[in-house]
Amino acid sequence: MLYKSAELFSTRFGRNPNRNGENPWAEPNARFDVSGYLDHQGEKFVQRFDTNSYLSITRTMDTFDPSGSTASAPMSASKARVTLVGISSDWLFPASEVRSLAVS
């Protein structure tokens, strides 16, 4: 899982050829600079996480719906006071979605 923005990737790697001298525009199997970084991150990731656990966690994150628009989201029935916090750089729950949850 990567927590880097598209802007950061663009600034750091752009569409630069691989640092080992490969030229992706001239060689069919040549890669861009970002490929080595992604390979390294992938190798680190599989050493730290069990595949089935990761699949379960990502499925849970993908189907989580605090707005109450699905049967699995009991938050809409809650009478408790809650504080909602949105973080501008959060890709999973963007601040705009947190704001819309606050008014629903």
C-alpha atoms as a PDB file:
ATOM      1  CA  MET A   1       0.000   0.000   0.000  1.00  0.00           C
ATOM      2  CA  LEU A   2       1.395   3.363  -0.954  1.00  0.00           C
ATOM      3  CA  TYR A   3       0.660   6.573   0.855  1.00  0.00           C
ATOM      4  CA  LYS A   4       2.266   8.933  -1.608  1.00  0.00           C
ATOM      5  CA  SER A   5       0.327  11.427  -3.673  1.00  0.00           C
ATOM      6  CA  ALA A   6       0.342  11.629  -7.450  1.00  0.00           C
ATOM      7  CA  GLU A   7       2.048  15.011  -7.100  1.00  0.00           C
ATOM      8  CA  LEU A   8       4.887  13.503  -5.039  1.00  0.00           C
ATOM      9  CA  PHE A   9       5.339  10.674  -7.552  1.00  0.00           C
ATOM     10  CA  SER A  10       5.392  13.168 -10.401  1.00  0.00           C
ATOM     11  CA  THR A  11       7.963  15.365  -8.675  1.00  0.00           C
ATOM     12  CA  ARG A  12      10.200  12.483  -7.618  1.00  0.00           C
ATOM     13  CA  PHE A  13      10.001  10.246 -10.700  1.00  0.00           C
ATOM     14  CA  GLY A  14       8.132  12.013 -13.477  1.00  0.00           C
ATOM     15  CA  ARG A  15       8.402  10.056 -16.704  1.00  0.00           C
ATOM     16  CA  ASN A  16      12.139   9.646 -16.266  1.00  0.00           C
ATOM     17  CA  PRO A  17      13.886   6.615 -17.723  1.00  0.00           C
ATOM     18  CA  ASN A  18      15.139   3.990 -15.277  1.00  0.00           C
ATOM     19  CA  ARG A  19      18.314   5.023 -13.454  1.00  0.00           C
ATOM     20  CA  ASN A  20      20.198   2.023 -14.822  1.00  0.00           C
ATOM     21  CA  GLY A  21      20.163   3.586 -18.290  1.00  0.00           C
ATOM     22  CA  GLU A  22      17.132   1.838 -19.788  1.00  0.00           C
ATOM     23  CA  ASN A  23      15.175   3.936 -22.251  1.00  0.00           C
ATOM     24  CA  PRO A  24      11.447   3.041 -22.222  1.00  0.00           C
ATOM     25  CA  TRP A  25      10.820   5.043 -25.400  1.00  0.00           C
ATOM     26  CA  ALA A  26      13.440   3.137 -27.412  1.00  0.00           C
ATOM     27  CA  GLU A  27      13.490  -0.336 -25.824  1.00  0.00           C
ATOM     28  CA  PRO A  28      10.284  -2.417 -25.606  1.00  0.00           C
ATOM     29  CA  ASN A  29      11.040  -3.953 -22.178  1.00  0.00           C
ATOM     30  CA  ALA A  30      12.749  -0.926 -20.629  1.00  0.00           C
ATOM     31  CA  ARG A  31      11.139   0.596 -17.556  1.00  0.00           C
ATOM     32  CA  PHE A  32      10.653   4.024 -16.075  1.00  0.00           C
ATOM     33  CA  ASP A  33      12.443   5.180 -12.933  1.00  0.00           C
ATOM     34  CA  VAL A  34       9.396   4.606 -10.720  1.00  0.00           C
ATOM     35  CA  SER A  35       9.458   0.852 -11.461  1.00  0.00           C
ATOM     36  CA  GLY A  36      12.459   0.141  -9.240  1.00  0.00           C
ATOM     37  CA  TYR A  37      10.862   2.025  -6.355  1.00  0.00           C
ATOM     38  CA  LEU A  38       7.588   0.105  -6.718  1.00  0.00           C
ATOM     39  CA  ASP A  39       9.449  -3.231  -6.930  1.00  0.00           C
ATOM     40  CA  HIS A  40      11.319  -2.435  -3.725  1.00  0.00           C
ATOM     41  CA  GLN A  41       8.153  -1.382  -1.890  1.00  0.00           C
ATOM     42  CA  GLY A  42       6.361  -4.528  -3.079  1.00  0.00           C
ATOM     43  CA  GLU A  43       9.165  -6.779  -1.805  1.00  0.00           C
ATOM     44  CA  LYS A  44       9.089  -5.058   1.598  1.00  0.00           C
ATOM     45  CA  PHE A  45       5.309  -5.349   1.731  1.00  0.00           C
ATOM     46  CA  VAL A  46       5.073  -9.099   1.109  1.00  0.00           C
ATOM     47  CA  GLN A  47       7.638  -9.704   3.859  1.00  0.00           C
ATOM     48  CA  ARG A  48       5.504  -7.807   6.376  1.00  0.00           C
ATOM     49  CA  PHE A  49       1.939  -8.895   5.558  1.00  0.00           C
ATOM     50  CA  ASP A  50       0.106 -12.160   5.155  1.00  0.00           C
ATOM     51  CA  THR A  51      -1.724 -12.124   1.817  1.00  0.00           C
ATOM     52  CA  ASN A  52      -5.069 -13.353   3.149  1.00  0.00           C
ATOM     53  CA  SER A  53      -4.995 -10.890   6.046  1.00  0.00           C
ATOM     54  CA  TYR A  54      -4.315  -8.051   3.634  1.00  0.00           C
ATOM     55  CA  LEU A  55      -7.174  -9.143   1.365  1.00  0.00           C
ATOM     56  CA  SER A  56      -9.518  -9.251   4.360  1.00  0.00           C
ATOM     57  CA  ILE A  57      -8.444  -5.818   5.594  1.00  0.00           C
ATOM     58  CA  THR A  58      -8.758  -4.173   2.181  1.00  0.00           C
ATOM     59  CA  ARG A  59     -12.172  -5.771   1.609  1.00  0.00           C
ATOM     60  CA  THR A  60     -13.344  -4.430   4.962  1.00  0.00           C
ATOM     61  CA  MET A  61     -12.025  -0.958   4.124  1.00  0.00           C
ATOM     62  CA  ASP A  62     -13.651  -1.046   0.676  1.00  0.00           C
ATOM     63  CA  THR A  63     -17.074  -2.012   2.036  1.00  0.00           C
ATOM     64  CA  PHE A  64     -17.091   0.144   5.193  1.00  0.00           C
ATOM     65  CA  ASP A  65     -19.921   2.651   4.954  1.00  0.00           C
ATOM     66  CA  PRO A  66     -20.428   4.824   8.042  1.00  0.00           C
ATOM     67  CA  SER A  67     -23.191   6.852   6.362  1.00  0.00           C
ATOM     68  CA  GLY A  68     -25.812   4.198   6.981  1.00  0.00           C
ATOM     69  CA  SER A  69     -26.668   3.702   3.323  1.00  0.00           C
ATOM     70  CA  THR A  70     -26.121  -0.060   3.671  1.00  0.00           C
ATOM     71  CA  ALA A  71     -27.470  -2.634   6.089  1.00  0.00           C
ATOM     72  CA  SER A  72     -23.990  -3.090   7.554  1.00  0.00           C
ATOM     73  CA  ALA A  73     -23.752   0.558   8.634  1.00  0.00           C
ATOM     74  CA  PRO A  74     -25.557   1.084  11.949  1.00  0.00           C
ATOM     75  CA  MET A  75     -24.131   4.578  12.522  1.00  0.00           C
ATOM     76  CA  SER A  76     -27.271   6.240  11.172  1.00  0.00           C
ATOM     77  CA  ALA A  77     -29.292   4.734  14.034  1.00  0.00           C
ATOM     78  CA  SER A  78     -26.883   5.934  16.716  1.00  0.00           C
ATOM     79  CA  LYS A  79     -28.023   8.650  19.115  1.00  0.00           C
ATOM     80  CA  ALA A  80     -24.458   9.289  20.333  1.00  0.00           C
ATOM     81  CA  ARG A  81     -22.668  12.561  19.667  1.00  0.00           C
ATOM     82  CA  VAL A  82     -19.647  12.062  17.437  1.00  0.00           C
ATOM     83  CA  THR A  83     -16.734  14.155  16.303  1.00  0.00           C
ATOM     84  CA  LEU A  84     -15.748  13.685  12.693  1.00  0.00           C
ATOM     85  CA  VAL A  85     -12.249  14.557  11.563  1.00  0.00           C
ATOM     86  CA  GLY A  86     -11.273  14.807   7.912  1.00  0.00           C
ATOM     87  CA  ILE A  87      -7.669  14.913   6.791  1.00  0.00           C
ATOM     88  CA  SER A  88      -7.010  16.651   3.482  1.00  0.00           C
ATOM     89  CA  SER A  89      -4.389  14.118   2.385  1.00  0.00           C
ATOM     90  CA  ASP A  90      -6.478  11.016   3.237  1.00  0.00           C
ATOM     91  CA  TRP A  91      -7.311   9.125   0.045  1.00  0.00           C
ATOM     92  CA  LEU A  92      -9.578   6.512   1.606  1.00  0.00           C
ATOM     93  CA  PHE A  93     -11.887   8.933   3.454  1.00  0.00           C
ATOM     94  CA  PRO A  94     -11.324  12.375   1.897  1.00  0.00           C
ATOM     95  CA  ALA A  95     -12.275  15.407   3.951  1.00  0.00           C
ATOM     96  CA  SER A  96     -15.108  16.214   1.505  1.00  0.00           C
ATOM     97  CA  GLU A  97     -16.716  12.835   2.243  1.00  0.00           C
ATOM     98  CA  VAL A  98     -16.321  13.355   5.982  1.00  0.00           C
ATOM     99  CA  ARG A  99     -18.065  16.736   5.618  1.00  0.00           C
ATOM    100  CA  SER A 100     -20.941  15.130   3.712  1.00  0.00           C
ATOM    101  CA  LEU A 101     -21.247  12.467   6.403  1.00  0.00           C
ATOM    102  CA  ALA A 102     -21.558  15.214   9.017  1.00  0.00           C
ATOM    103  CA  VAL A 103     -24.643  16.657   7.329  1.00  0.00           C
ATOM    104  CA  SER A 104     -26.343  13.376   6.542  1.00  0.00           C
END
